C-alpha cells in the first residue's frame, strides 16, 4: 500500500521540557483539528543515534490518502496555521519539511 505523507523534522530544542509541553498541549491538538484530510499522525521522539548526538529531536509524519489531499490541506488556512505554529515552537532552529511517498511492507 502506498500513501503520501508530510514530514516535519524538528532540530533539538533549546529547552526540551518547554518544547514537549507546547508540542503536546498546543501543537498536536492544533494539527488534529486543522489538518483536514489526514488519515493519521505519527509523532516520533529520537532517542539516540549510532553516529553520536542526534541532530534532530522529533519527527512528525502526517499521512494523506493522496498527493492531491495533502496539497489541498497545505493550501488551506488550517494547514498554513499549523505549519506556522510548527516553525514558531521549534526553538532549536527551523524545522525541515518534506513530502514523501510511503510504502508499507507487512511481515
PDB file of N, CA and C in Angstrom:
ATOM      1  N   UNK A   1       0.845  -1.179   0.000  1.00  0.00           N
ATOM      2  CA  UNK A   1       0.000   0.000   0.000  1.00  0.00           C
ATOM      3  C   UNK A   1       0.890   1.243   0.000  1.00  0.00           C
ATOM      4  N   UNK A   2       0.532   2.218  -0.777  1.00  0.00           N
ATOM      5  CA  UNK A   2       1.303   3.440  -0.884  1.00  0.00           C
ATOM      6  C   UNK A   2       0.456   4.611  -0.393  1.00  0.00           C
ATOM      7  N   UNK A   3       1.055   5.449   0.443  1.00  0.00           N
ATOM      8  CA  UNK A   3       0.400   6.650   0.951  1.00  0.00           C
ATOM      9  C   UNK A   3       1.345   7.826   0.745  1.00  0.00           C
ATOM     10  N   UNK A   4       0.815   9.014   0.911  1.00  0.00           N
ATOM     11  CA  UNK A   4       1.627  10.227   0.857  1.00  0.00           C
ATOM     12  C   UNK A   4       1.664  10.792   2.267  1.00  0.00           C
ATOM     13  N   UNK A   5       2.836  11.312   2.635  1.00  0.00           N
ATOM     14  CA  UNK A   5       2.932  11.897   3.967  1.00  0.00           C
ATOM     15  C   UNK A   5       3.718  13.198   3.941  1.00  0.00           C
ATOM     16  N   UNK A   6       3.361  14.050   4.875  1.00  0.00           N
ATOM     17  CA  UNK A   6       4.048  15.307   5.119  1.00  0.00           C
ATOM     18  C   UNK A   6       4.900  15.073   6.355  1.00  0.00           C
ATOM     19  N   UNK A   7       6.187  15.321   6.239  1.00  0.00           N
ATOM     20  CA  UNK A   7       7.121  15.037   7.323  1.00  0.00           C
ATOM     21  C   UNK A   7       7.661  16.355   7.874  1.00  0.00           C
ATOM     22  N   UNK A   8       7.674  16.461   9.196  1.00  0.00           N
ATOM     23  CA  UNK A   8       8.258  17.619   9.872  1.00  0.00           C
ATOM     24  C   UNK A   8       9.361  17.083  10.784  1.00  0.00           C
ATOM     25  N   UNK A   9      10.592  17.568  10.574  1.00  0.00           N
ATOM     26  CA  UNK A   9      11.735  17.128  11.369  1.00  0.00           C
ATOM     27  C   UNK A   9      12.208  18.316  12.202  1.00  0.00           C
ATOM     28  N   UNK A  10      12.098  18.165  13.524  1.00  0.00           N
ATOM     29  CA  UNK A  10      12.444  19.249  14.445  1.00  0.00           C
ATOM     30  C   UNK A  10      13.875  19.101  14.958  1.00  0.00           C
ATOM     31  N   UNK A  11      14.695  20.162  14.862  1.00  0.00           N
ATOM     32  CA  UNK A  11      16.015  20.137  15.497  1.00  0.00           C
ATOM     33  C   UNK A  11      15.849  20.049  17.018  1.00  0.00           C
ATOM     34  N   UNK A  12      16.911  19.663  17.690  1.00  0.00           N
ATOM     35  CA  UNK A  12      16.861  19.574  19.151  1.00  0.00           C
ATOM     36  C   UNK A  12      16.536  20.949  19.737  1.00  0.00           C
ATOM     37  N   UNK A  13      15.476  21.027  20.543  1.00  0.00           N
ATOM     38  CA  UNK A  13      15.077  22.322  21.114  1.00  0.00           C
ATOM     39  C   UNK A  13      16.078  22.843  22.148  1.00  0.00           C
ATOM     40  N   UNK A  14      16.061  24.131  22.351  1.00  0.00           N
ATOM     41  CA  UNK A  14      16.925  24.732  23.368  1.00  0.00           C
ATOM     42  C   UNK A  14      16.444  24.387  24.774  1.00  0.00           C
ATOM     43  N   UNK A  15      15.148  24.155  24.938  1.00  0.00           N
ATOM     44  CA  UNK A  15      14.559  23.779  26.230  1.00  0.00           C
ATOM     45  C   UNK A  15      13.594  22.623  25.959  1.00  0.00           C
ATOM     46  N   UNK A  16      14.059  21.399  26.150  1.00  0.00           N
ATOM     47  CA  UNK A  16      13.261  20.212  25.807  1.00  0.00           C
ATOM     48  C   UNK A  16      11.949  20.140  26.593  1.00  0.00           C
ATOM     49  N   UNK A  17      11.942  20.308  27.924  1.00  0.00           N
ATOM     50  CA  UNK A  17      10.659  20.246  28.649  1.00  0.00           C
ATOM     51  C   UNK A  17       9.645  21.292  28.151  1.00  0.00           C
ATOM     52  N   UNK A  18      10.111  22.507  27.862  1.00  0.00           N
ATOM     53  CA  UNK A  18       9.199  23.546  27.356  1.00  0.00           C
ATOM     54  C   UNK A  18       8.658  23.165  25.979  1.00  0.00           C
ATOM     55  N   UNK A  19       9.525  22.634  25.118  1.00  0.00           N
ATOM     56  CA  UNK A  19       9.079  22.196  23.795  1.00  0.00           C
ATOM     57  C   UNK A  19       8.039  21.084  23.924  1.00  0.00           C
ATOM     58  N   UNK A  20       8.330  20.081  24.751  1.00  0.00           N
ATOM     59  CA  UNK A  20       7.396  18.961  24.917  1.00  0.00           C
ATOM     60  C   UNK A  20       6.031  19.444  25.403  1.00  0.00           C
ATOM     61  N   UNK A  21       6.033  20.395  26.305  1.00  0.00           N
ATOM     62  CA  UNK A  21       4.765  20.923  26.836  1.00  0.00           C
ATOM     63  C   UNK A  21       3.949  21.577  25.722  1.00  0.00           C
ATOM     64  N   UNK A  22       4.551  22.475  24.979  1.00  0.00           N
ATOM     65  CA  UNK A  22       3.825  23.171  23.918  1.00  0.00           C
ATOM     66  C   UNK A  22       3.485  22.209  22.769  1.00  0.00           C
ATOM     67  N   UNK A  23       4.351  21.258  22.502  1.00  0.00           N
ATOM     68  CA  UNK A  23       4.099  20.290  21.434  1.00  0.00           C
ATOM     69  C   UNK A  23       2.849  19.467  21.748  1.00  0.00           C
ATOM     70  N   UNK A  24       2.783  18.950  22.974  1.00  0.00           N
ATOM     71  CA  UNK A  24       1.647  18.095  23.344  1.00  0.00           C
ATOM     72  C   UNK A  24       0.366  18.873  23.668  1.00  0.00           C
ATOM     73  N   UNK A  25       0.510  20.020  24.290  1.00  0.00           N
ATOM     74  CA  UNK A  25      -0.671  20.766  24.727  1.00  0.00           C
ATOM     75  C   UNK A  25      -1.246  21.693  23.658  1.00  0.00           C
ATOM     76  N   UNK A  26      -0.405  22.162  22.730  1.00  0.00           N
ATOM     77  CA  UNK A  26      -0.880  23.096  21.707  1.00  0.00           C
ATOM     78  C   UNK A  26      -0.770  22.531  20.294  1.00  0.00           C
ATOM     79  N   UNK A  27       0.430  22.068  19.941  1.00  0.00           N
ATOM     80  CA  UNK A  27       0.668  21.743  18.530  1.00  0.00           C
ATOM     81  C   UNK A  27      -0.074  20.496  18.057  1.00  0.00           C
ATOM     82  N   UNK A  28       0.027  19.408  18.777  1.00  0.00           N
ATOM     83  CA  UNK A  28      -0.672  18.186  18.337  1.00  0.00           C
ATOM     84  C   UNK A  28      -2.185  18.418  18.279  1.00  0.00           C
ATOM     85  N   UNK A  29      -2.813  19.022  19.299  1.00  0.00           N
ATOM     86  CA  UNK A  29      -4.247  19.296  19.167  1.00  0.00           C
ATOM     87  C   UNK A  29      -4.586  20.200  17.974  1.00  0.00           C
ATOM     88  N   UNK A  30      -3.721  21.187  17.695  1.00  0.00           N
ATOM     89  CA  UNK A  30      -3.934  22.060  16.546  1.00  0.00           C
ATOM     90  C   UNK A  30      -3.889  21.245  15.255  1.00  0.00           C
ATOM     91  N   UNK A  31      -2.887  20.390  15.122  1.00  0.00           N
ATOM     92  CA  UNK A  31      -2.756  19.556  13.922  1.00  0.00           C
ATOM     93  C   UNK A  31      -3.954  18.624  13.770  1.00  0.00           C
ATOM     94  N   UNK A  32      -4.391  18.018  14.857  1.00  0.00           N
ATOM     95  CA  UNK A  32      -5.540  17.107  14.802  1.00  0.00           C
ATOM     96  C   UNK A  32      -6.782  17.852  14.327  1.00  0.00           C
ATOM     97  N   UNK A  33      -6.969  19.070  14.824  1.00  0.00           N
ATOM     98  CA  UNK A  33      -8.154  19.843  14.464  1.00  0.00           C
ATOM     99  C   UNK A  33      -8.064  20.438  13.056  1.00  0.00           C
ATOM    100  N   UNK A  34      -6.920  20.981  12.683  1.00  0.00           N
ATOM    101  CA  UNK A  34      -6.835  21.823  11.483  1.00  0.00           C
ATOM    102  C   UNK A  34      -6.376  21.123  10.203  1.00  0.00           C
ATOM    103  N   UNK A  35      -5.694  19.991  10.312  1.00  0.00           N
ATOM    104  CA  UNK A  35      -5.171  19.334   9.106  1.00  0.00           C
ATOM    105  C   UNK A  35      -6.246  18.451   8.485  1.00  0.00           C
ATOM    106  N   UNK A  36      -7.036  19.055   7.632  1.00  0.00           N
ATOM    107  CA  UNK A  36      -8.170  18.381   7.007  1.00  0.00           C
ATOM    108  C   UNK A  36      -7.686  17.357   5.991  1.00  0.00           C
ATOM    109  N   UNK A  37      -8.288  16.181   6.015  1.00  0.00           N
ATOM    110  CA  UNK A  37      -7.974  15.147   5.039  1.00  0.00           C
ATOM    111  C   UNK A  37      -6.926  14.151   5.484  1.00  0.00           C
ATOM    112  N   UNK A  38      -6.306  14.385   6.639  1.00  0.00           N
ATOM    113  CA  UNK A  38      -5.287  13.454   7.122  1.00  0.00           C
ATOM    114  C   UNK A  38      -5.936  12.125   7.504  1.00  0.00           C
ATOM    115  N   UNK A  39      -5.153  11.054   7.417  1.00  0.00           N
ATOM    116  CA  UNK A  39      -5.651   9.750   7.851  1.00  0.00           C
ATOM    117  C   UNK A  39      -5.030   9.324   9.163  1.00  0.00           C
ATOM    118  N   UNK A  40      -3.830   9.811   9.447  1.00  0.00           N
ATOM    119  CA  UNK A  40      -3.207   9.553  10.750  1.00  0.00           C
ATOM    120  C   UNK A  40      -1.985  10.450  10.917  1.00  0.00           C
ATOM    121  N   UNK A  41      -1.563  10.562  12.174  1.00  0.00           N
ATOM    122  CA  UNK A  41      -0.386  11.352  12.520  1.00  0.00           C
ATOM    123  C   UNK A  41       0.500  10.484  13.402  1.00  0.00           C
ATOM    124  N   UNK A  42       1.761  10.357  13.034  1.00  0.00           N
ATOM    125  CA  UNK A  42       2.719   9.632  13.859  1.00  0.00           C
ATOM    126  C   UNK A  42       3.744  10.627  14.372  1.00  0.00           C
ATOM    127  N   UNK A  43       3.935  10.652  15.685  1.00  0.00           N
ATOM    128  CA  UNK A  43       4.909  11.546  16.309  1.00  0.00           C
ATOM    129  C   UNK A  43       6.009  10.696  16.930  1.00  0.00           C
ATOM    130  N   UNK A  44       7.231  10.889  16.465  1.00  0.00           N
ATOM    131  CA  UNK A  44       8.372  10.095  16.918  1.00  0.00           C
ATOM    132  C   UNK A  44       9.347  10.988  17.662  1.00  0.00           C
ATOM    133  N   UNK A  45       9.834  10.492  18.795  1.00  0.00           N
ATOM    134  CA  UNK A  45      10.884  11.192  19.524  1.00  0.00           C
ATOM    135  C   UNK A  45      12.187  10.423  19.283  1.00  0.00           C
ATOM    136  N   UNK A  46      13.213  11.113  18.803  1.00  0.00           N
ATOM    137  CA  UNK A  46      14.505  10.490  18.531  1.00  0.00           C
ATOM    138  C   UNK A  46      15.237  10.310  19.858  1.00  0.00           C
ATOM    139  N   UNK A  47      15.645   9.068  20.151  1.00  0.00           N
ATOM    140  CA  UNK A  47      16.310   8.782  21.423  1.00  0.00           C
ATOM    141  C   UNK A  47      17.822   8.762  21.326  1.00  0.00           C
ATOM    142  N   UNK A  48      18.349   8.267  20.213  1.00  0.00           N
ATOM    143  CA  UNK A  48      19.793   8.134  20.085  1.00  0.00           C
ATOM    144  C   UNK A  48      20.154   7.930  18.621  1.00  0.00           C
ATOM    145  N   UNK A  49      21.457   7.968  18.347  1.00  0.00           N
ATOM    146  CA  UNK A  49      21.976   7.693  17.013  1.00  0.00           C
ATOM    147  C   UNK A  49      23.309   6.968  17.155  1.00  0.00           C
ATOM    148  N   UNK A  50      23.549   5.959  16.336  1.00  0.00           N
ATOM    149  CA  UNK A  50      24.853   5.301  16.398  1.00  0.00           C
ATOM    150  C   UNK A  50      25.988   6.215  15.926  1.00  0.00           C
ATOM    151  N   UNK A  51      25.650   7.353  15.370  1.00  0.00           N
ATOM    152  CA  UNK A  51      26.644   8.315  14.890  1.00  0.00           C
ATOM    153  C   UNK A  51      26.944   9.408  15.917  1.00  0.00           C
ATOM    154  N   UNK A  52      26.433   9.257  17.128  1.00  0.00           N
ATOM    155  CA  UNK A  52      26.659  10.262  18.163  1.00  0.00           C
ATOM    156  C   UNK A  52      25.373  10.996  18.485  1.00  0.00           C
ATOM    157  N   UNK A  53      25.504  12.228  18.927  1.00  0.00           N
ATOM    158  CA  UNK A  53      24.344  13.045  19.303  1.00  0.00           C
ATOM    159  C   UNK A  53      23.449  13.272  18.088  1.00  0.00           C
ATOM    160  N   UNK A  54      22.164  12.873  18.167  1.00  0.00           N
ATOM    161  CA  UNK A  54      21.291  13.086  17.010  1.00  0.00           C
ATOM    162  C   UNK A  54      21.029  14.572  16.770  1.00  0.00           C
ATOM    163  N   UNK A  55      21.036  15.012  15.507  1.00  0.00           N
ATOM    164  CA  UNK A  55      20.805  16.422  15.199  1.00  0.00           C
ATOM    165  C   UNK A  55      19.322  16.806  15.235  1.00  0.00           C
ATOM    166  N   UNK A  56      18.462  15.809  15.336  1.00  0.00           N
ATOM    167  CA  UNK A  56      17.018  16.064  15.331  1.00  0.00           C
ATOM    168  C   UNK A  56      16.378  15.439  16.559  1.00  0.00           C
ATOM    169  N   UNK A  57      15.315  16.059  17.020  1.00  0.00           N
ATOM    170  CA  UNK A  57      14.676  15.640  18.257  1.00  0.00           C
ATOM    171  C   UNK A  57      13.349  14.927  18.027  1.00  0.00           C
ATOM    172  N   UNK A  58      12.526  15.464  17.134  1.00  0.00           N
ATOM    173  CA  UNK A  58      11.217  14.865  16.844  1.00  0.00           C
ATOM    174  C   UNK A  58      11.007  14.803  15.353  1.00  0.00           C
ATOM    175  N   UNK A  59      10.247  13.791  14.942  1.00  0.00           N
ATOM    176  CA  UNK A  59       9.830  13.641  13.554  1.00  0.00           C
ATOM    177  C   UNK A  59       8.324  13.396  13.568  1.00  0.00           C
ATOM    178  N   UNK A  60       7.594  14.265  12.909  1.00  0.00           N
ATOM    179  CA  UNK A  60       6.139  14.089  12.792  1.00  0.00           C
ATOM    180  C   UNK A  60       5.822  13.686  11.362  1.00  0.00           C
ATOM    181  N   UNK A  61       4.977  12.687  11.203  1.00  0.00           N
ATOM    182  CA  UNK A  61       4.565  12.227   9.879  1.00  0.00           C
ATOM    183  C   UNK A  61       3.040  12.265   9.823  1.00  0.00           C
ATOM    184  N   UNK A  62       2.512  13.064   8.908  1.00  0.00           N
ATOM    185  CA  UNK A  62       1.071  13.210   8.752  1.00  0.00           C
ATOM    186  C   UNK A  62       0.704  12.583   7.416  1.00  0.00           C
ATOM    187  N   UNK A  63      -0.110  11.564   7.467  1.00  0.00           N
ATOM    188  CA  UNK A  63      -0.446  10.778   6.281  1.00  0.00           C
ATOM    189  C   UNK A  63      -1.729  11.264   5.622  1.00  0.00           C
ATOM    190  N   UNK A  64      -1.739  11.163   4.293  1.00  0.00           N
ATOM    191  CA  UNK A  64      -2.890  11.547   3.473  1.00  0.00           C
ATOM    192  C   UNK A  64      -3.132  10.456   2.437  1.00  0.00           C
ATOM    193  N   UNK A  65      -4.375  10.299   1.983  1.00  0.00           N
ATOM    194  CA  UNK A  65      -4.669   9.250   1.007  1.00  0.00           C
ATOM    195  C   UNK A  65      -4.112   9.526  -0.386  1.00  0.00           C
ATOM    196  N   UNK A  66      -3.762  10.784  -0.669  1.00  0.00           N
ATOM    197  CA  UNK A  66      -3.246  11.128  -1.993  1.00  0.00           C
ATOM    198  C   UNK A  66      -2.457  12.428  -1.914  1.00  0.00           C
ATOM    199  N   UNK A  67      -1.659  12.668  -2.940  1.00  0.00           N
ATOM    200  CA  UNK A  67      -0.923  13.929  -3.029  1.00  0.00           C
ATOM    201  C   UNK A  67      -1.893  15.102  -3.150  1.00  0.00           C
ATOM    202  N   UNK A  68      -2.978  14.905  -3.871  1.00  0.00           N
ATOM    203  CA  UNK A  68      -3.978  15.973  -4.011  1.00  0.00           C
ATOM    204  C   UNK A  68      -4.577  16.341  -2.654  1.00  0.00           C
ATOM    205  N   UNK A  69      -4.830  15.361  -1.808  1.00  0.00           N
ATOM    206  CA  UNK A  69      -5.380  15.628  -0.473  1.00  0.00           C
ATOM    207  C   UNK A  69      -4.366  16.389   0.379  1.00  0.00           C
ATOM    208  N   UNK A  70      -3.092  16.004   0.286  1.00  0.00           N
ATOM    209  CA  UNK A  70      -2.049  16.709   1.029  1.00  0.00           C
ATOM    210  C   UNK A  70      -1.935  18.154   0.551  1.00  0.00           C
ATOM    211  N   UNK A  71      -1.936  18.354  -0.763  1.00  0.00           N
ATOM    212  CA  UNK A  71      -1.822  19.705  -1.320  1.00  0.00           C
ATOM    213  C   UNK A  71      -3.012  20.576  -0.922  1.00  0.00           C
ATOM    214  N   UNK A  72      -4.207  19.997  -0.925  1.00  0.00           N
ATOM    215  CA  UNK A  72      -5.403  20.761  -0.510  1.00  0.00           C
ATOM    216  C   UNK A  72      -5.282  21.174   0.947  1.00  0.00           C
ATOM    217  N   UNK A  73      -4.781  20.280   1.779  1.00  0.00           N
ATOM    218  CA  UNK A  73      -4.587  20.608   3.189  1.00  0.00           C
ATOM    219  C   UNK A  73      -3.540  21.709   3.340  1.00  0.00           C
ATOM    220  N   UNK A  74      -2.425  21.591   2.622  1.00  0.00           N
ATOM    221  CA  UNK A  74      -1.343  22.575   2.717  1.00  0.00           C
ATOM    222  C   UNK A  74      -1.797  23.965   2.288  1.00  0.00           C
ATOM    223  N   UNK A  75      -2.704  24.025   1.341  1.00  0.00           N
ATOM    224  CA  UNK A  75      -3.201  25.305   0.841  1.00  0.00           C
ATOM    225  C   UNK A  75      -4.308  25.897   1.702  1.00  0.00           C
ATOM    226  N   UNK A  76      -4.845  25.099   2.622  1.00  0.00           N
ATOM    227  CA  UNK A  76      -5.939  25.570   3.471  1.00  0.00           C
ATOM    228  C   UNK A  76      -5.410  26.488   4.579  1.00  0.00           C
ATOM    229  N   UNK A  77      -6.296  27.281   5.143  1.00  0.00           N
ATOM    230  CA  UNK A  77      -5.912  28.149   6.263  1.00  0.00           C
ATOM    231  C   UNK A  77      -5.420  27.321   7.443  1.00  0.00           C
ATOM    232  N   UNK A  78      -6.089  26.205   7.715  1.00  0.00           N
ATOM    233  CA  UNK A  78      -5.672  25.329   8.816  1.00  0.00           C
ATOM    234  C   UNK A  78      -4.291  24.744   8.590  1.00  0.00           C
ATOM    235  N   UNK A  79      -3.994  24.374   7.356  1.00  0.00           N
ATOM    236  CA  UNK A  79      -2.670  23.852   7.029  1.00  0.00           C
ATOM    237  C   UNK A  79      -1.597  24.898   7.217  1.00  0.00           C
ATOM    238  N   UNK A  80      -1.858  26.096   6.724  1.00  0.00           N
ATOM    239  CA  UNK A  80      -0.896  27.199   6.864  1.00  0.00           C
ATOM    240  C   UNK A  80      -0.678  27.555   8.334  1.00  0.00           C
ATOM    241  N   UNK A  81      -1.762  27.572   9.096  1.00  0.00           N
ATOM    242  CA  UNK A  81      -1.675  27.893  10.520  1.00  0.00           C
ATOM    243  C   UNK A  81      -0.840  26.851  11.271  1.00  0.00           C
ATOM    244  N   UNK A  82      -1.042  25.589  10.944  1.00  0.00           N
ATOM    245  CA  UNK A  82      -0.318  24.512  11.621  1.00  0.00           C
ATOM    246  C   UNK A  82       1.169  24.547  11.281  1.00  0.00           C
ATOM    247  N   UNK A  83       1.514  24.777  10.021  1.00  0.00           N
ATOM    248  CA  UNK A  83       2.925  24.873   9.629  1.00  0.00           C
ATOM    249  C   UNK A  83       3.578  26.076  10.316  1.00  0.00           C
ATOM    250  N   UNK A  84       2.898  27.199  10.348  1.00  0.00           N
ATOM    251  CA  UNK A  84       3.444  28.387  11.009  1.00  0.00           C
ATOM    252  C   UNK A  84       3.682  28.123  12.493  1.00  0.00           C
ATOM    253  N   UNK A  85       2.775  27.392  13.118  1.00  0.00           N
ATOM    254  CA  UNK A  85       2.933  27.062  14.532  1.00  0.00           C
ATOM    255  C   UNK A  85       4.122  26.128  14.739  1.00  0.00           C
ATOM    256  N   UNK A  86       4.343  25.185  13.822  1.00  0.00           N
ATOM    257  CA  UNK A  86       5.496  24.286  13.912  1.00  0.00           C
ATOM    258  C   UNK A  86       6.796  25.088  13.893  1.00  0.00           C
ATOM    259  N   UNK A  87       6.860  26.084  13.024  1.00  0.00           N
ATOM    260  CA  UNK A  87       8.049  26.935  12.949  1.00  0.00           C
ATOM    261  C   UNK A  87       8.203  27.738  14.243  1.00  0.00           C
ATOM    262  N   UNK A  88       7.105  28.259  14.737  1.00  0.00           N
ATOM    263  CA  UNK A  88       7.126  29.091  15.948  1.00  0.00           C
ATOM    264  C   UNK A  88       7.645  28.327  17.170  1.00  0.00           C
ATOM    265  N   UNK A  89       7.247  27.073  17.334  1.00  0.00           N
ATOM    266  CA  UNK A  89       7.627  26.324  18.535  1.00  0.00           C
ATOM    267  C   UNK A  89       9.003  25.667  18.430  1.00  0.00           C
ATOM    268  N   UNK A  90       9.598  25.661  17.260  1.00  0.00           N
ATOM    269  CA  UNK A  90      10.873  24.974  17.038  1.00  0.00           C
ATOM    270  C   UNK A  90      12.037  25.849  17.494  1.00  0.00           C
ATOM    271  N   UNK A  91      12.347  25.788  18.778  1.00  0.00           N
ATOM    272  CA  UNK A  91      13.363  26.668  19.369  1.00  0.00           C
ATOM    273  C   UNK A  91      14.796  26.296  18.992  1.00  0.00           C
ATOM    274  N   UNK A  92      15.006  25.103  18.444  1.00  0.00           N
ATOM    275  CA  UNK A  92      16.349  24.683  18.057  1.00  0.00           C
ATOM    276  C   UNK A  92      16.725  25.060  16.636  1.00  0.00           C
ATOM    277  N   UNK A  93      15.835  25.745  15.943  1.00  0.00           N
ATOM    278  CA  UNK A  93      16.054  26.119  14.552  1.00  0.00           C
ATOM    279  C   UNK A  93      14.834  25.784  13.719  1.00  0.00           C
ATOM    280  N   UNK A  94      14.849  26.186  12.482  1.00  0.00           N
ATOM    281  CA  UNK A  94      13.713  25.943  11.587  1.00  0.00           C
ATOM    282  C   UNK A  94      13.579  24.454  11.311  1.00  0.00           C
ATOM    283  N   UNK A  95      12.360  23.915  11.433  1.00  0.00           N
ATOM    284  CA  UNK A  95      12.182  22.501  11.115  1.00  0.00           C
ATOM    285  C   UNK A  95      12.326  22.248   9.615  1.00  0.00           C
ATOM    286  N   UNK A  96      12.599  21.007   9.292  1.00  0.00           N
ATOM    287  CA  UNK A  96      12.670  20.576   7.896  1.00  0.00           C
ATOM    288  C   UNK A  96      11.304  20.031   7.513  1.00  0.00           C
ATOM    289  N   UNK A  97      10.807  20.418   6.347  1.00  0.00           N
ATOM    290  CA  UNK A  97       9.525  19.934   5.845  1.00  0.00           C
ATOM    291  C   UNK A  97       9.761  19.127   4.572  1.00  0.00           C
ATOM    292  N   UNK A  98       9.165  17.950   4.496  1.00  0.00           N
ATOM    293  CA  UNK A  98       9.301  17.082   3.333  1.00  0.00           C
ATOM    294  C   UNK A  98       7.946  16.499   2.950  1.00  0.00           C
ATOM    295  N   UNK A  99       7.785  16.182   1.679  1.00  0.00           N
ATOM    296  CA  UNK A  99       6.629  15.424   1.190  1.00  0.00           C
ATOM    297  C   UNK A  99       7.189  14.127   0.643  1.00  0.00           C
ATOM    298  N   UNK A 100       6.615  13.001   1.047  1.00  0.00           N
ATOM    299  CA  UNK A 100       7.161  11.709   0.649  1.00  0.00           C
ATOM    300  C   UNK A 100       6.048  10.712   0.364  1.00  0.00           C
ATOM    301  N   UNK A 101       6.400   9.695  -0.391  1.00  0.00           N
ATOM    302  CA  UNK A 101       5.504   8.569  -0.616  1.00  0.00           C
ATOM    303  C   UNK A 101       5.962   7.452   0.303  1.00  0.00           C
ATOM    304  N   UNK A 102       5.014   6.814   0.949  1.00  0.00           N
ATOM    305  CA  UNK A 102       5.324   5.768   1.917  1.00  0.00           C
ATOM    306  C   UNK A 102       4.776   4.431   1.422  1.00  0.00           C
ATOM    307  N   UNK A 103       5.618   3.416   1.481  1.00  0.00           N
ATOM    308  CA  UNK A 103       5.168   2.060   1.173  1.00  0.00           C
ATOM    309  C   UNK A 103       5.264   1.248   2.460  1.00  0.00           C
ATOM    310  N   UNK A 104       4.265   0.447   2.724  1.00  0.00           N
ATOM    311  CA  UNK A 104       4.270  -0.396   3.925  1.00  0.00           C
ATOM    312  C   UNK A 104       4.415  -1.855   3.507  1.00  0.00           C
ATOM    313  N   UNK A 105       5.357  -2.526   4.148  1.00  0.00           N
ATOM    314  CA  UNK A 105       5.574  -3.960   3.945  1.00  0.00           C
ATOM    315  C   UNK A 105       5.268  -4.651   5.275  1.00  0.00           C
ATOM    316  N   UNK A 106       4.321  -5.525   5.272  1.00  0.00           N
ATOM    317  CA  UNK A 106       3.934  -6.232   6.490  1.00  0.00           C
ATOM    318  C   UNK A 106       4.522  -7.631   6.474  1.00  0.00           C
ATOM    319  N   UNK A 107       5.143  -8.002   7.585  1.00  0.00           N
ATOM    320  CA  UNK A 107       5.781  -9.327   7.696  1.00  0.00           C
ATOM    321  C   UNK A 107       5.053 -10.194   8.685  1.00  0.00           C
TER     322      UNK A 107
END
